[in-house]
Amino acid sequence: MRAPVLDNRLRKLRLDHHEMTQQRLADLVGVTRQTIIAIESGKYAPSLVLAFRIAKVFDLSIELVFQYRV
C-alpha cells in the first residue's frame, strides 16, 4: 500500500493572489518562510489549524488548497 500524499496548490494560489511572496503568506498565517517552502514542496504536511489559516488567506475551503490522495 502506498503512503498517503497531501498535494497543494499554494504556489499557484500565491502567484494568482497579487504575486504574494512566501514570506508574506508566512507572516499572514504565523509561520516561517521555511515552513511555507516545505509545505509547497510536499515535504511537510501542515496541521489542520494551519491548513485552515492558509485557506482563509485565499478565501477558499481547505479542499481547494490541499488535496489528499491515498
Protein backbone atom coordinates (compact mmCIF):
# COMPACT_ATOMS: atom_id res chain seq x y z
CA MET A 1 0.00 0.00 0.00
CA ARG A 2 1.28 3.45 -0.95
CA ALA A 3 1.72 6.16 1.64
CA PRO A 4 -0.95 8.90 1.52
CA VAL A 5 0.06 12.13 -0.16
CA LEU A 6 -1.08 15.67 0.57
CA ASP A 7 -0.86 17.79 -2.59
CA ASN A 8 -1.40 21.53 -2.59
CA ARG A 9 -1.89 24.49 -4.89
CA LEU A 10 -0.09 27.02 -2.70
CA ARG A 11 2.40 28.27 -5.28
CA LYS A 12 -0.30 28.86 -7.90
CA LEU A 13 -2.61 30.49 -5.37
CA ARG A 14 0.15 32.79 -4.13
CA LEU A 15 1.10 33.88 -7.64
CA ASP A 16 -2.54 34.38 -8.63
CA HIS A 17 -3.07 36.43 -5.46
CA HIS A 18 -1.11 39.55 -6.47
CA GLU A 19 2.10 37.51 -6.73
CA MET A 20 2.18 37.04 -2.95
CA THR A 21 5.60 36.07 -1.63
CA GLN A 22 6.25 33.07 0.56
CA GLN A 23 7.29 35.49 3.30
CA ARG A 24 4.00 37.42 3.08
CA LEU A 25 1.96 34.21 3.34
CA ALA A 26 4.12 33.06 6.25
CA ASP A 27 3.54 36.36 8.04
CA LEU A 28 -0.22 36.17 7.47
CA VAL A 29 -0.52 32.67 8.92
CA GLY A 30 2.10 32.96 11.68
CA VAL A 31 4.84 30.59 10.49
CA THR A 32 8.30 30.92 8.98
CA ARG A 33 9.01 31.21 5.27
CA GLN A 34 10.81 27.86 5.53
CA THR A 35 7.55 26.26 6.67
CA ILE A 36 5.75 27.60 3.60
CA ILE A 37 8.58 26.33 1.38
CA ALA A 38 8.32 22.86 2.97
CA ILE A 39 4.53 22.77 2.56
CA GLU A 40 4.70 23.89 -1.08
CA SER A 41 7.30 21.25 -1.90
CA GLY A 42 5.30 18.50 -0.20
CA LYS A 43 7.97 17.84 2.41
CA TYR A 44 5.74 18.92 5.30
CA ALA A 45 2.03 18.45 5.92
CA PRO A 46 0.53 21.38 7.82
CA SER A 47 -1.53 20.92 10.94
CA LEU A 48 -5.27 21.19 10.49
CA VAL A 49 -5.26 24.61 12.15
CA LEU A 50 -2.51 25.87 9.82
CA ALA A 51 -4.32 24.44 6.79
CA PHE A 52 -7.45 26.38 7.82
CA ARG A 53 -5.40 29.58 8.27
CA ILE A 54 -3.84 29.19 4.83
CA ALA A 55 -7.20 28.50 3.18
CA LYS A 56 -8.70 31.56 4.88
CA VAL A 57 -6.00 33.83 3.43
CA PHE A 58 -7.20 32.86 -0.05
CA ASP A 59 -10.88 32.78 0.98
CA LEU A 60 -11.14 29.14 -0.09
CA SER A 61 -12.10 25.85 1.53
CA ILE A 62 -9.27 23.57 2.63
CA GLU A 63 -10.19 21.11 -0.14
CA LEU A 64 -9.48 23.74 -2.78
CA VAL A 65 -5.99 24.37 -1.35
CA PHE A 66 -4.99 20.85 -0.27
CA GLN A 67 -5.82 17.53 -1.91
CA TYR A 68 -5.45 14.24 -0.06
CA ARG A 69 -4.53 11.22 -2.17
CA VAL A 70 -4.30 7.66 -0.95
